[in-house]
Amino acid sequence: MNVSGQAEQVAIRCTLLRGGTSKGVYLHEHDIPEPGAVRDRVLKRIMGTPDVMQIDGLGGTHLVTSKIAIIKRSEHPGADIDYTFAQVDIDRDVIDYEGNCGNISAGVGPFAIDAGLVKITSPVTEVRIHNTNTGKLFSARVPVQGGRAKVEGDLAIAGVPGTGAEIFMNYSHTVGAKTGKMLPTENVVDVIRLESGEQIEATLCDVANPCVFVRAADIGLVGDELPERINHDEALIGRLREIRGKAGQMGGLCSDWRKVDEEMALLPMLVFVAEPADYVDLNRETVRSGDMDLRSRLVFLNRCHESMAGTGSMCTAAASRIRGSIVHQIVGERPAEADTLRIGHPLGVMTVKVKSHPANVLGGVEFDGLGFSRTARRILDGSVYVPATTSAG
């Protein structure tokens, strides 16, 4: 880090970049402290956490705008770039490195290209990315123009105004991202027994990030609820935390479900699903049942995602091909030629690629293709300032 002209503050080079439906601060790893307590303090101070308004930092008061990507050239033989994802909470003094963010990952390729970290090929540069959080490899096919990542294009994605250049994210090799297994409990469906005595059927699946899937109806919901309805219901959030914690304990992600927020704040993400039906999204537009294969709402850090996490979409797509899973029960059998899944979320519909074939493996399926298309746009390059005392050892 470089000390600015103001001795009381330290300047850190940064880029503010929208990746998909998230927005984050992208940093060169050599510009920030080594992993540990000092780095944690610096990153939280960059975002302005903890504070519900994040008024003293770059965070935007939503989890989807309180994200950080840390980038460097990779020494991994199968990758060009190492990418570490940090999810910074808002009003809690918490930073989490356990999982990946698919939307933020869509900005890694453009960032690396513009920063001169990879060799450019026209008209599309494939950037091979090693996610250090999960140890998994994926790639981004990024259109380029004039030696930089292309921005203008025809792709529209729900939750982002206008259109942009299509970046295709290939997540085919992220099975068992955190646990090493597509089905961490080795069961297609588990029964989670709540402290109330109630029993909930769930599927714990680990592709891109671990997710626990439940039916909306089984938790007293319809499936088209918007984030405000979910986030302000403390009893519901408590119930979802218990489901998430018990699924995490069953899958070896935490030692005790009661400690899930301390031991594994981000994972597993909880997703509740329902059959297609018309609903009104956050933009007050009607989403038609014929435009989706299921309705889905994703909860992470005990808040509902405003759209759909990129990794959550990959796990949902994978689970849709596991016969008998909670997601498969909703979408049903797919035609052999079907290679997409359309997920209805609070801001519209996300279409993802999923191509699979039966196999004699846990889950009964292997993936020939698993990915999604996003757009990304660099918004700002500059320096972010943190108090010098924050970076003191």
Protein backbone atom coordinates (compact mmCIF):
# COMPACT_ATOMS: atom_id res chain seq x y z
CA MET A 1 0.00 0.00 0.00
CA ASN A 2 1.10 3.54 -0.69
CA VAL A 3 0.94 6.30 1.88
CA SER A 4 -0.87 9.30 0.45
CA GLY A 5 0.06 12.93 0.89
CA GLN A 6 -2.19 12.93 3.92
CA ALA A 7 -0.19 11.09 6.57
CA GLU A 8 -3.36 10.08 8.38
CA GLN A 9 -4.62 8.02 5.43
CA VAL A 10 -3.35 5.32 3.10
CA ALA A 11 -4.27 5.21 -0.59
CA ILE A 12 -5.05 1.85 -2.21
CA ARG A 13 -5.45 1.47 -5.97
CA CYS A 14 -8.89 0.10 -6.80
CA THR A 15 -11.45 -0.44 -9.53
CA LEU A 16 -15.20 -0.28 -9.00
CA LEU A 17 -16.73 -2.72 -11.45
CA ARG A 18 -20.17 -4.21 -12.01
CA GLY A 19 -20.12 -7.91 -12.68
CA GLY A 20 -23.52 -9.30 -13.62
CA THR A 21 -26.06 -8.18 -11.02
CA SER A 22 -23.46 -7.41 -8.36
CA LYS A 23 -21.03 -4.53 -7.94
CA GLY A 24 -17.68 -4.82 -6.24
CA VAL A 25 -14.28 -3.35 -5.52
CA TYR A 26 -11.52 -5.10 -7.51
CA LEU A 27 -8.02 -4.98 -6.02
CA HIS A 28 -4.55 -6.14 -7.04
CA GLU A 29 -3.38 -8.55 -4.35
CA HIS A 30 0.04 -6.92 -4.03
CA ASP A 31 -1.63 -3.58 -3.15
CA ILE A 32 -3.17 -4.88 0.07
CA PRO A 33 -1.86 -6.60 3.23
CA GLU A 34 -1.25 -10.34 3.42
CA PRO A 35 -4.21 -12.53 4.48
CA GLY A 36 -5.02 -12.08 8.14
CA ALA A 37 -6.50 -9.66 10.63
CA VAL A 38 -4.94 -6.53 9.08
CA ARG A 39 -6.28 -7.38 5.62
CA ASP A 40 -9.73 -8.02 7.12
CA ARG A 41 -9.74 -4.61 8.81
CA VAL A 42 -8.65 -2.86 5.62
CA LEU A 43 -11.28 -4.54 3.43
CA LYS A 44 -14.09 -3.87 5.89
CA ARG A 45 -12.99 -0.24 6.16
CA ILE A 46 -12.96 0.07 2.36
CA MET A 47 -16.63 -0.93 2.37
CA GLY A 48 -17.58 1.07 5.46
CA THR A 49 -18.56 -1.98 7.51
CA PRO A 50 -20.03 -2.30 10.11
CA ASP A 51 -22.67 0.34 9.46
CA VAL A 52 -26.14 -0.16 8.02
CA MET A 53 -25.54 2.81 5.69
CA GLN A 54 -21.89 2.00 4.94
CA ILE A 55 -21.67 5.80 4.84
CA ASP A 56 -17.90 5.92 5.43
CA GLY A 57 -16.93 3.53 2.61
CA LEU A 58 -17.69 2.28 -0.89
CA GLY A 59 -20.39 -0.24 0.08
CA GLY A 60 -23.86 0.34 -1.27
CA THR A 61 -25.91 -0.89 1.74
CA HIS A 62 -26.86 -4.15 -0.01
CA LEU A 63 -24.99 -7.45 0.09
CA VAL A 64 -24.79 -7.44 -3.72
CA THR A 65 -22.88 -4.14 -3.56
CA SER A 66 -20.61 -5.08 -0.63
CA LYS A 67 -18.27 -7.47 -2.42
CA ILE A 68 -14.53 -7.52 -3.10
CA ALA A 69 -12.42 -9.34 -5.70
CA ILE A 70 -8.68 -9.74 -5.06
CA ILE A 71 -6.71 -10.51 -8.23
CA LYS A 72 -3.19 -11.59 -9.17
CA ARG A 73 -1.43 -13.60 -11.87
CA SER A 74 -1.71 -17.29 -11.12
CA GLU A 75 1.01 -19.89 -10.64
CA HIS A 76 -1.58 -22.65 -11.04
CA PRO A 77 -0.75 -24.67 -14.19
CA GLY A 78 -4.35 -24.57 -15.39
CA ALA A 79 -5.09 -20.90 -14.73
CA ASP A 80 -4.10 -17.41 -15.79
CA ILE A 81 -5.53 -15.55 -12.79
CA ASP A 82 -5.96 -16.20 -9.08
CA TYR A 83 -9.18 -14.67 -7.78
CA THR A 84 -10.13 -14.43 -4.12
CA PHE A 85 -13.66 -13.37 -3.27
CA ALA A 86 -14.57 -11.54 -0.06
CA GLN A 87 -18.18 -10.99 1.02
CA VAL A 88 -18.36 -8.08 3.44
CA ASP A 89 -21.42 -7.90 5.66
CA ILE A 90 -23.12 -4.56 6.18
CA ASP A 91 -24.14 -3.89 9.79
CA ARG A 92 -22.18 -6.79 11.29
CA ASP A 93 -18.39 -6.75 11.71
CA VAL A 94 -18.04 -9.78 9.43
CA ILE A 95 -16.04 -10.61 6.32
CA ASP A 96 -16.33 -14.05 4.72
CA TYR A 97 -13.98 -15.84 2.30
CA GLU A 98 -15.62 -19.27 2.32
CA GLY A 99 -17.36 -19.22 -1.05
CA ASN A 100 -17.30 -17.70 -4.50
CA CYS A 101 -19.58 -15.13 -6.16
CA GLY A 102 -20.56 -15.96 -9.72
CA ASN A 103 -21.61 -12.44 -10.61
CA ILE A 104 -18.42 -10.85 -9.30
CA SER A 105 -16.47 -13.60 -11.08
CA ALA A 106 -17.88 -12.28 -14.36
CA GLY A 107 -15.84 -9.11 -13.83
CA VAL A 108 -12.55 -10.93 -13.21
CA GLY A 109 -11.82 -11.57 -16.88
CA PRO A 110 -12.45 -7.97 -18.00
CA PHE A 111 -10.44 -6.64 -15.05
CA ALA A 112 -7.49 -8.92 -15.86
CA ILE A 113 -7.57 -8.01 -19.55
CA ASP A 114 -7.69 -4.27 -18.92
CA ALA A 115 -4.93 -4.56 -16.31
CA GLY A 116 -2.61 -6.36 -18.75
CA LEU A 117 -2.51 -9.52 -16.65
CA VAL A 118 -3.37 -11.92 -19.50
CA LYS A 119 -2.45 -12.34 -23.14
CA ILE A 120 -5.19 -10.94 -25.37
CA THR A 121 -6.60 -12.77 -28.38
CA SER A 122 -9.23 -11.22 -30.64
CA PRO A 123 -12.16 -11.22 -30.95
CA VAL A 124 -12.59 -13.26 -27.73
CA THR A 125 -10.08 -13.88 -24.95
CA GLU A 126 -10.58 -16.89 -22.71
CA VAL A 127 -9.40 -16.14 -19.18
CA ARG A 128 -8.77 -19.22 -17.04
CA ILE A 129 -9.55 -18.40 -13.43
CA HIS A 130 -8.49 -20.18 -10.24
CA ASN A 131 -10.88 -19.35 -7.41
CA THR A 132 -8.79 -19.57 -4.25
CA ASN A 133 -11.87 -19.74 -2.01
CA THR A 134 -12.91 -23.11 -3.39
CA GLY A 135 -9.78 -24.28 -5.22
CA LYS A 136 -11.87 -24.74 -8.37
CA LEU A 137 -11.14 -23.65 -11.93
CA PHE A 138 -13.55 -21.94 -14.30
CA SER A 139 -13.17 -19.72 -17.33
CA ALA A 140 -14.55 -16.52 -18.81
CA ARG A 141 -14.89 -15.94 -22.54
CA VAL A 142 -14.55 -12.17 -22.82
CA PRO A 143 -15.05 -10.24 -26.09
CA VAL A 144 -12.27 -7.70 -26.69
CA GLN A 145 -11.92 -4.63 -28.84
CA GLY A 146 -8.93 -2.33 -29.22
CA GLY A 147 -6.92 -4.29 -26.66
CA ARG A 148 -9.52 -3.94 -23.91
CA ALA A 149 -12.56 -5.83 -22.70
CA LYS A 150 -15.54 -4.91 -24.84
CA VAL A 151 -18.42 -3.20 -23.01
CA GLU A 152 -21.10 -2.51 -25.62
CA GLY A 153 -23.22 -5.40 -26.82
CA ASP A 154 -26.69 -6.87 -27.25
CA LEU A 155 -27.05 -9.03 -24.14
CA ALA A 156 -29.68 -7.96 -21.61
CA ILE A 157 -29.75 -9.55 -18.16
CA ALA A 158 -32.54 -9.20 -15.63
CA GLY A 159 -31.59 -6.72 -12.92
CA VAL A 160 -29.24 -4.55 -15.03
CA PRO A 161 -30.44 -1.62 -17.19
CA GLY A 162 -29.63 -1.70 -20.89
CA THR A 163 -27.44 -4.22 -22.67
CA GLY A 164 -23.77 -5.13 -22.80
CA ALA A 165 -21.16 -7.43 -24.31
CA GLU A 166 -21.78 -11.10 -23.52
CA ILE A 167 -19.27 -12.79 -21.19
CA PHE A 168 -19.78 -16.54 -20.97
CA MET A 169 -18.78 -18.14 -17.68
CA ASN A 170 -17.96 -21.85 -17.88
CA TYR A 171 -18.49 -23.54 -14.49
CA SER A 172 -18.42 -27.16 -15.68
CA HIS A 173 -15.53 -28.10 -13.37
CA THR A 174 -16.89 -26.78 -10.07
CA VAL A 175 -18.63 -29.92 -8.79
CA GLY A 176 -17.88 -30.40 -5.10
CA ALA A 177 -16.59 -26.85 -4.80
CA LYS A 178 -16.38 -26.80 -1.00
CA THR A 179 -17.05 -30.35 0.18
CA GLY A 180 -15.58 -32.41 -2.65
CA LYS A 181 -18.96 -34.03 -3.38
CA MET A 182 -21.94 -32.98 -5.47
CA LEU A 183 -24.16 -34.42 -2.73
CA PRO A 184 -22.29 -33.78 0.55
CA THR A 185 -24.57 -36.02 2.62
CA GLU A 186 -24.60 -38.62 -0.18
CA ASN A 187 -28.40 -38.39 -0.17
CA VAL A 188 -30.57 -36.87 -2.89
CA VAL A 189 -33.10 -35.78 -0.25
CA ASP A 190 -32.51 -35.42 3.49
CA VAL A 191 -35.03 -34.80 6.24
CA ILE A 192 -34.11 -31.87 8.48
CA ARG A 193 -35.73 -32.02 11.91
CA LEU A 194 -36.28 -28.58 13.38
CA GLU A 195 -36.27 -27.83 17.09
CA SER A 196 -40.02 -27.27 16.85
CA GLY A 197 -40.45 -30.91 15.87
CA GLU A 198 -41.28 -30.04 12.26
CA GLN A 199 -39.58 -32.04 9.50
CA ILE A 200 -38.45 -30.39 6.26
CA GLU A 201 -37.29 -32.24 3.15
CA ALA A 202 -34.15 -30.71 1.64
CA THR A 203 -31.45 -31.34 -0.95
CA LEU A 204 -27.90 -30.25 -0.14
CA CYS A 205 -25.97 -29.86 -3.39
CA ASP A 206 -22.42 -28.55 -3.91
CA VAL A 207 -21.72 -27.20 -7.38
CA ALA A 208 -19.98 -23.79 -7.65
CA ASN A 209 -21.09 -23.19 -4.03
CA PRO A 210 -23.01 -25.44 -1.62
CA CYS A 211 -26.75 -24.70 -1.51
CA VAL A 212 -29.57 -26.26 0.47
CA PHE A 213 -32.84 -26.43 -1.47
CA VAL A 214 -36.31 -26.60 0.09
CA ARG A 215 -39.82 -26.21 -1.28
CA ALA A 216 -41.34 -22.78 -0.68
CA ALA A 217 -44.60 -24.40 0.41
CA ASP A 218 -42.83 -26.45 3.08
CA ILE A 219 -41.68 -23.29 4.86
CA GLY A 220 -45.02 -21.50 4.57
CA LEU A 221 -44.15 -19.40 1.51
CA VAL A 222 -45.47 -19.10 -2.03
CA GLY A 223 -42.20 -18.68 -3.92
CA ASP A 224 -42.67 -15.19 -5.34
CA GLU A 225 -41.88 -13.24 -2.16
CA LEU A 226 -39.63 -10.20 -2.61
CA PRO A 227 -36.57 -9.49 -0.43
CA GLU A 228 -38.30 -6.93 1.80
CA ARG A 229 -40.98 -9.44 2.75
CA ILE A 230 -38.34 -12.01 3.71
CA ASN A 231 -35.72 -9.80 5.33
CA HIS A 232 -38.14 -8.10 7.73
CA ASP A 233 -39.62 -11.36 9.05
CA GLU A 234 -37.34 -12.20 11.99
CA ALA A 235 -39.14 -15.45 12.75
CA LEU A 236 -38.77 -16.59 9.14
CA ILE A 237 -35.09 -15.62 9.01
CA GLY A 238 -34.52 -17.54 12.24
CA ARG A 239 -36.22 -20.60 10.76
CA LEU A 240 -34.19 -20.39 7.56
CA ARG A 241 -31.00 -20.01 9.59
CA GLU A 242 -31.85 -23.20 11.46
CA ILE A 243 -32.48 -25.08 8.20
CA ARG A 244 -29.25 -23.73 6.74
CA GLY A 245 -27.29 -24.54 9.90
CA LYS A 246 -28.60 -28.08 10.19
CA ALA A 247 -27.95 -28.74 6.49
CA GLY A 248 -24.45 -27.33 6.94
CA GLN A 249 -23.82 -29.57 9.93
CA MET A 250 -25.09 -32.61 8.02
CA GLY A 251 -22.79 -31.75 5.12
CA GLY A 252 -19.72 -31.14 7.28
CA LEU A 253 -19.66 -27.37 6.74
CA CYS A 254 -20.00 -26.49 10.42
CA SER A 255 -19.53 -28.34 13.69
CA ASP A 256 -22.87 -27.29 15.21
CA TRP A 257 -25.87 -25.77 13.47
CA ARG A 258 -26.10 -23.11 16.18
CA LYS A 259 -22.64 -21.85 15.18
CA VAL A 260 -23.25 -21.67 11.44
CA ASP A 261 -23.10 -17.85 11.33
CA GLU A 262 -19.74 -17.88 13.13
CA GLU A 263 -18.13 -20.88 11.44
CA MET A 264 -19.58 -20.59 7.92
CA ALA A 265 -21.39 -17.27 7.55
CA LEU A 266 -21.98 -17.54 3.80
CA LEU A 267 -22.46 -21.26 3.16
CA PRO A 268 -24.53 -23.17 2.51
CA MET A 269 -26.76 -20.67 0.76
CA LEU A 270 -30.45 -21.45 1.19
CA VAL A 271 -32.70 -21.57 -1.87
CA PHE A 272 -36.44 -22.11 -1.79
CA VAL A 273 -38.16 -23.09 -4.99
CA ALA A 274 -41.68 -23.33 -6.42
CA GLU A 275 -43.45 -24.16 -9.65
CA PRO A 276 -43.74 -21.45 -12.35
CA ALA A 277 -46.43 -18.80 -11.81
CA ASP A 278 -46.92 -15.16 -12.73
CA TYR A 279 -45.47 -12.69 -10.21
CA VAL A 280 -44.54 -9.03 -9.90
CA ASP A 281 -40.81 -8.35 -9.62
CA LEU A 282 -38.85 -5.60 -7.85
CA ASN A 283 -39.30 -3.30 -10.86
CA ARG A 284 -43.08 -3.77 -10.58
CA GLU A 285 -43.14 -5.65 -13.86
CA THR A 286 -45.06 -8.89 -14.32
CA VAL A 287 -42.94 -11.98 -14.91
CA ARG A 288 -44.93 -14.59 -16.82
CA SER A 289 -45.03 -18.24 -15.83
CA GLY A 290 -44.31 -19.32 -19.42
CA ASP A 291 -40.96 -17.55 -19.31
CA MET A 292 -39.53 -19.66 -16.48
CA ASP A 293 -39.01 -23.26 -15.40
CA LEU A 294 -39.24 -22.50 -11.67
CA ARG A 295 -39.44 -19.67 -9.16
CA SER A 296 -36.48 -19.33 -6.85
CA ARG A 297 -35.34 -17.13 -3.96
CA LEU A 298 -31.81 -17.33 -2.55
CA VAL A 299 -30.92 -16.35 1.04
CA PHE A 300 -27.33 -15.68 2.09
CA LEU A 301 -25.94 -14.01 5.20
CA ASN A 302 -29.56 -14.18 6.42
CA ARG A 303 -30.82 -11.82 3.71
CA CYS A 304 -32.60 -12.48 0.44
CA HIS A 305 -30.61 -11.89 -2.74
CA GLU A 306 -32.12 -9.16 -4.92
CA SER A 307 -31.75 -11.38 -7.98
CA MET A 308 -29.93 -14.73 -8.22
CA ALA A 309 -26.34 -15.48 -7.28
CA GLY A 310 -24.33 -16.74 -10.24
CA THR A 311 -23.02 -19.67 -8.22
CA GLY A 312 -26.52 -20.26 -6.88
CA SER A 313 -27.80 -20.50 -10.45
CA MET A 314 -25.15 -23.11 -11.24
CA CYS A 315 -26.04 -25.19 -8.20
CA THR A 316 -29.75 -24.87 -9.03
CA ALA A 317 -29.11 -25.98 -12.61
CA ALA A 318 -27.05 -28.95 -11.44
CA ALA A 319 -29.68 -29.98 -8.89
CA SER A 320 -32.36 -29.80 -11.58
CA ARG A 321 -30.64 -32.73 -13.32
CA ILE A 322 -30.33 -34.90 -10.19
CA ARG A 323 -33.35 -37.16 -10.35
CA GLY A 324 -35.52 -36.91 -7.24
CA SER A 325 -33.89 -33.78 -5.83
CA ILE A 326 -36.10 -30.98 -4.52
CA VAL A 327 -35.32 -28.90 -7.63
CA HIS A 328 -35.89 -31.84 -9.96
CA GLN A 329 -39.28 -32.45 -8.32
CA ILE A 330 -40.25 -28.88 -9.25
CA VAL A 331 -38.98 -28.77 -12.85
CA GLY A 332 -39.61 -32.41 -13.73
CA GLU A 333 -37.89 -34.46 -16.41
CA ARG A 334 -36.31 -32.39 -19.15
CA PRO A 335 -36.17 -33.37 -22.84
CA ALA A 336 -32.84 -34.89 -23.82
CA GLU A 337 -32.06 -31.93 -26.06
CA ALA A 338 -32.87 -29.32 -23.41
CA ASP A 339 -29.72 -27.47 -22.40
CA THR A 340 -31.08 -24.47 -20.48
CA LEU A 341 -32.81 -23.73 -17.20
CA ARG A 342 -34.84 -20.54 -16.70
CA ILE A 343 -34.85 -19.33 -13.10
CA GLY A 344 -37.44 -16.79 -11.98
CA HIS A 345 -35.94 -14.49 -9.32
CA PRO A 346 -36.89 -11.15 -7.67
CA LEU A 347 -35.67 -9.11 -10.66
CA GLY A 348 -36.84 -11.29 -13.53
CA VAL A 349 -35.58 -14.46 -15.20
CA MET A 350 -32.04 -15.78 -15.51
CA THR A 351 -31.35 -18.37 -18.21
CA VAL A 352 -28.40 -20.69 -17.62
CA LYS A 353 -26.78 -23.46 -19.64
CA VAL A 354 -26.84 -27.01 -18.33
CA LYS A 355 -26.12 -30.10 -20.38
CA SER A 356 -25.73 -33.47 -18.70
CA HIS A 357 -25.74 -37.21 -19.19
CA PRO A 358 -26.51 -40.14 -16.87
CA ALA A 359 -23.45 -41.57 -15.13
CA ASN A 360 -22.59 -44.16 -12.51
CA VAL A 361 -21.52 -41.57 -9.94
CA LEU A 362 -22.98 -40.05 -6.80
CA GLY A 363 -26.03 -38.10 -8.00
CA GLY A 364 -26.31 -40.17 -11.15
CA VAL A 365 -25.27 -37.41 -13.53
CA GLU A 366 -22.23 -35.75 -15.06
CA PHE A 367 -22.14 -32.37 -16.78
CA ASP A 368 -21.03 -31.73 -20.34
CA GLY A 369 -21.78 -28.03 -19.98
CA LEU A 370 -22.62 -25.74 -17.10
CA GLY A 371 -22.45 -21.99 -17.42
CA PHE A 372 -24.15 -18.63 -17.67
CA SER A 373 -23.84 -15.37 -19.58
CA ARG A 374 -23.27 -12.04 -17.86
CA THR A 375 -22.23 -8.51 -18.75
CA ALA A 376 -19.72 -6.36 -16.90
CA ARG A 377 -18.71 -2.72 -16.90
CA ARG A 378 -15.81 -0.86 -15.34
CA ILE A 379 -17.26 2.14 -13.50
CA LEU A 380 -14.29 3.77 -11.77
CA ASP A 381 -10.52 3.54 -11.47
CA GLY A 382 -8.77 5.38 -8.66
CA SER A 383 -7.66 5.19 -5.07
CA VAL A 384 -9.68 4.36 -2.02
CA TYR A 385 -8.45 5.84 1.26
CA VAL A 386 -8.40 4.11 4.62
CA PRO A 387 -7.10 5.51 7.92
CA ALA A 388 -3.44 4.64 8.42
CA THR A 389 -4.31 3.13 11.80
CA THR A 390 -6.48 0.53 10.03
CA SER A 391 -3.49 -0.95 8.23
CA ALA A 392 -1.18 -0.94 11.24
CA GLY A 393 -0.05 -4.39 12.32
